[in-house]
Protein backbone atom coordinates (compact mmCIF):
# COMPACT_ATOMS: atom_id res chain seq x y z
CA LEU A 1 -85.92 26.83 13.79
CA LEU A 2 -84.21 24.16 15.98
CA LYS A 3 -84.97 23.94 19.93
CA GLY A 4 -82.40 21.20 20.73
CA VAL A 5 -79.53 19.07 19.57
CA ASP A 6 -80.65 15.77 20.06
CA GLN A 7 -81.41 15.07 16.27
CA TYR A 8 -77.46 15.95 15.37
CA ALA A 9 -76.69 12.30 16.82
CA GLU A 10 -77.97 11.04 13.48
CA TYR A 11 -75.39 12.98 11.30
CA ALA A 12 -72.02 12.23 10.53
CA SER A 13 -69.55 15.07 10.43
CA TRP A 14 -66.11 16.03 10.93
CA PHE A 15 -63.82 19.13 11.38
CA ALA A 16 -62.32 19.85 7.96
CA ASP A 17 -59.24 20.98 9.39
CA SER A 18 -58.58 18.46 11.84
CA GLY A 19 -60.64 15.54 10.91
CA LYS A 20 -62.25 15.11 14.47
CA ARG A 21 -65.80 14.07 14.47
CA LEU A 22 -68.43 16.53 15.82
CA THR A 23 -70.43 15.62 18.87
CA PRO A 24 -73.96 16.73 18.88
CA GLU A 25 -73.21 19.79 20.92
CA GLU A 26 -70.33 20.88 18.48
CA TYR A 27 -72.78 21.86 15.61
CA PRO A 28 -72.96 25.55 14.90
CA VAL A 29 -76.63 25.62 15.50
CA ALA A 30 -76.21 23.60 18.89
CA ARG A 31 -73.54 26.22 19.79
CA ALA A 32 -75.77 28.95 18.90
CA LEU A 33 -78.58 27.47 21.29
CA GLN A 34 -75.95 26.96 24.17
CA THR A 35 -74.43 30.49 23.94
CA GLY A 36 -77.01 32.71 22.57
CA GLN A 37 -74.37 34.16 20.09
CA GLN A 38 -73.97 34.01 16.37
CA VAL A 39 -71.27 31.15 15.27
CA GLU A 40 -69.02 32.39 12.21
CA PRO A 41 -69.17 29.72 9.34
CA VAL A 42 -67.21 26.51 9.79
CA GLU A 43 -66.11 24.19 7.23
CA LEU A 44 -67.24 20.53 7.72
CA GLN A 45 -66.98 17.21 6.00
CA ILE A 46 -70.17 15.37 6.17
CA ARG A 47 -71.46 11.82 5.07
CA ARG A 48 -75.00 11.99 3.58
CA PHE A 49 -77.81 9.74 4.14
CA ASP A 50 -77.58 8.32 0.74
CA GLY A 51 -73.56 7.63 1.61
CA THR A 52 -72.01 10.19 -0.37
CA GLN A 53 -69.54 12.49 0.96
CA GLY A 54 -69.29 16.22 0.56
CA THR A 55 -68.13 19.71 2.37
CA VAL A 56 -70.36 22.07 3.60
CA LEU A 57 -69.99 25.94 5.27
CA VAL A 58 -72.04 25.80 8.32
CA SER A 59 -73.19 28.86 10.12
CA ALA A 60 -75.88 29.69 12.85
CA ALA A 61 -77.47 32.20 14.73
CA PRO A 62 -79.69 32.51 17.76
CA VAL A 63 -83.33 33.44 17.80
CA PHE A 64 -85.00 35.71 20.47
CA ASP A 65 -88.74 36.04 21.37
CA GLY A 66 -90.32 39.52 22.03
CA ASP A 67 -89.23 39.18 25.44
CA GLY A 68 -85.64 38.84 24.31
CA ASN A 69 -85.65 35.28 25.48
CA LEU A 70 -83.43 32.67 23.47
CA SER A 71 -86.10 30.73 21.71
CA GLY A 72 -84.08 28.56 18.97
CA ALA A 73 -81.70 28.86 16.46
CA VAL A 74 -81.42 28.69 12.80
CA GLY A 75 -78.51 27.37 10.67
CA ILE A 76 -77.37 27.98 7.22
CA ASN A 77 -75.60 25.11 5.13
CA VAL A 78 -73.76 25.92 2.06
CA ASP A 79 -72.64 22.79 -0.02
CA ILE A 80 -69.29 23.92 -1.12
CA THR A 81 -68.22 20.30 -2.41
CA GLU A 82 -67.62 21.56 -5.99
CA ARG A 83 -65.95 24.35 -5.08
CA LYS A 84 -63.22 22.41 -3.14
CA ARG A 85 -63.13 19.70 -5.62
CA ALA A 86 -62.16 22.59 -8.16
CA GLU A 87 -59.57 24.11 -5.81
CA GLU A 88 -57.94 20.86 -4.98
CA ALA A 89 -57.98 20.31 -8.92
CA LEU A 90 -56.37 23.74 -9.37
CA ALA A 91 -53.82 23.16 -6.60
CA GLU A 92 -52.98 20.00 -8.49
CA PHE A 93 -52.49 21.67 -11.81
CA SER A 94 -50.21 24.33 -9.92
CA ARG A 95 -48.20 21.33 -8.54
CA LYS A 96 -47.73 19.92 -12.05
CA LEU A 97 -47.03 23.32 -13.76
CA GLU A 98 -44.14 23.93 -10.91
CA ASN A 99 -42.75 20.58 -11.93
CA SER A 100 -42.80 21.32 -15.35
CA ASN A 101 -41.30 24.54 -15.11
CA GLN A 102 -38.51 23.14 -12.76
CA GLU A 103 -37.78 20.69 -15.44
CA LEU A 104 -37.99 23.37 -18.19
CA VAL A 105 -35.15 25.15 -16.18
CA GLN A 106 -33.04 22.38 -15.90
CA PHE A 107 -33.35 21.68 -19.31
CA ALA A 108 -32.16 24.99 -20.30
CA TYR A 109 -29.43 24.91 -17.98
CA MET A 110 -28.00 21.87 -19.96
CA ALA A 111 -28.97 23.09 -23.52
CA SER A 112 -27.32 26.31 -22.71
CA HIS A 113 -24.01 24.61 -21.53
CA ASP A 114 -24.19 22.40 -24.62
CA LEU A 115 -24.69 25.25 -27.02
CA GLN A 116 -22.44 28.03 -25.43
CA GLU A 117 -19.47 25.63 -25.54
CA PRO A 118 -19.03 25.43 -29.18
CA LEU A 119 -19.75 29.01 -29.61
CA ARG A 120 -16.64 29.92 -27.24
CA LYS A 121 -14.43 27.87 -29.38
CA ILE A 122 -15.33 29.46 -32.48
CA GLU A 123 -14.92 32.92 -30.83
CA SER A 124 -11.77 31.59 -29.17
CA PHE A 125 -10.37 30.00 -32.54
CA GLY A 126 -11.25 33.07 -34.36
CA ASP A 127 -9.38 35.36 -31.79
CA ILE A 128 -6.41 33.13 -32.44
CA LEU A 129 -6.48 33.05 -36.10
CA LEU A 130 -6.96 37.09 -36.34
CA LYS A 131 -4.04 37.38 -33.76
CA GLU A 132 -1.51 35.17 -35.01
CA SER A 133 -1.87 34.49 -38.54
CA THR A 134 0.10 36.73 -40.92
CA GLN A 135 -1.26 35.31 -44.32
CA LEU A 136 -4.75 36.47 -43.99
CA ASN A 137 -5.89 39.28 -46.48
CA GLU A 138 -8.11 41.84 -45.32
CA LEU A 139 -10.98 40.27 -46.88
CA GLU A 140 -10.31 37.01 -44.91
CA ARG A 141 -9.66 38.92 -41.45
CA ASN A 142 -13.38 40.70 -42.00
CA TYR A 143 -14.80 37.11 -42.42
CA LEU A 144 -13.09 35.96 -39.24
CA GLU A 145 -14.10 39.06 -37.40
CA ARG A 146 -17.72 38.59 -38.44
CA MET A 147 -17.98 35.02 -37.54
CA ARG A 148 -16.57 35.88 -34.11
CA LYS A 149 -18.94 38.51 -33.67
CA ALA A 150 -21.76 36.45 -34.75
CA ALA A 151 -20.80 33.69 -32.49
CA GLY A 152 -20.56 36.23 -29.59
CA ARG A 153 -24.18 37.34 -30.23
CA MET A 154 -25.55 33.84 -30.24
CA ARG A 155 -23.80 33.19 -27.00
CA GLU A 156 -25.76 36.04 -25.59
CA MET A 157 -28.86 35.15 -27.05
CA VAL A 158 -28.53 31.72 -25.67
CA ASP A 159 -27.78 33.00 -22.40
CA GLY A 160 -30.72 35.48 -22.70
CA LEU A 161 -33.06 32.48 -23.51
CA LEU A 162 -31.63 30.82 -20.19
CA GLN A 163 -32.44 33.73 -18.30
CA LEU A 164 -35.93 33.77 -19.64
CA SER A 165 -36.99 30.40 -18.88
CA ARG A 166 -36.21 30.93 -15.31
CA ILE A 167 -39.44 31.47 -13.78
CA ASN A 168 -38.33 32.62 -10.53
CA THR A 169 -35.96 35.31 -12.38
CA ARG A 170 -37.12 39.05 -11.57
CA GLY A 171 -37.37 41.48 -14.18
CA LYS A 172 -34.14 43.49 -14.62
CA PRO A 173 -34.35 47.10 -14.79
CA PHE A 174 -34.30 49.03 -18.05
CA VAL A 175 -30.71 50.04 -19.62
CA GLN A 176 -29.62 52.31 -22.07
CA VAL A 177 -28.71 50.52 -25.30
CA ASP A 178 -26.48 52.09 -28.07
CA LEU A 179 -28.48 51.90 -31.24
CA SER A 180 -25.48 52.72 -33.12
CA THR A 181 -24.13 49.53 -32.31
CA VAL A 182 -26.96 47.62 -32.90
CA ASP A 183 -27.37 49.46 -36.61
CA SER A 184 -23.83 48.69 -37.30
CA GLU A 185 -24.21 44.80 -36.61
CA VAL A 186 -27.61 44.56 -38.67
CA LEU A 187 -25.99 46.35 -41.44
CA SER A 188 -22.95 43.95 -41.41
CA ASP A 189 -25.14 40.74 -41.45
CA LEU A 190 -27.24 42.24 -44.16
CA ASP A 191 -24.02 43.43 -46.14
CA HIS A 192 -22.84 39.78 -46.05
CA LEU A 193 -26.21 38.27 -47.32
CA ALA A 194 -26.06 41.01 -50.15
CA ARG A 195 -22.87 39.80 -51.46
CA HIS A 196 -23.64 36.28 -51.15
CA ASN A 197 -27.17 36.59 -53.17
């Protein structure tokens, strides 16, 4: 129970948000003594008597005697030094993770471009051969068509991976999928594998 503020001149404390050093009258207990009102928690940086520094959360409340007269004040100091260090470490980790994600997105853009370009050429040249060649038999045309479709699917997969790598991309709404088309593509791929095994 404190009844004066003189002893606070011995302490070295600063407001955590502004860095301004506290005068003895600005300590929460001193303010409770001055106003007779409760003082909400204030975050302070302190220098301990052993020279180490820390962070404390300080609050105070006035104390009244049986006649309702202000007789003193009590303060509560909660050492939050480790919590603040953990918060700073978490913030630093978040910054590094954000930077890493940005690098991943940039890499995905470059990789997507490099991978999609040859796939586009395969599709394009396949289209040209199918349209302009008059010497292809049915089996050869079938192989070209499969090659062109496989390249198209691969290009769509690369684009999908690019979309997935974007951490800021919002989820897309569900859409209907024609399972008969998927089924046909799977059977076509399996048929090709079965013929060559």
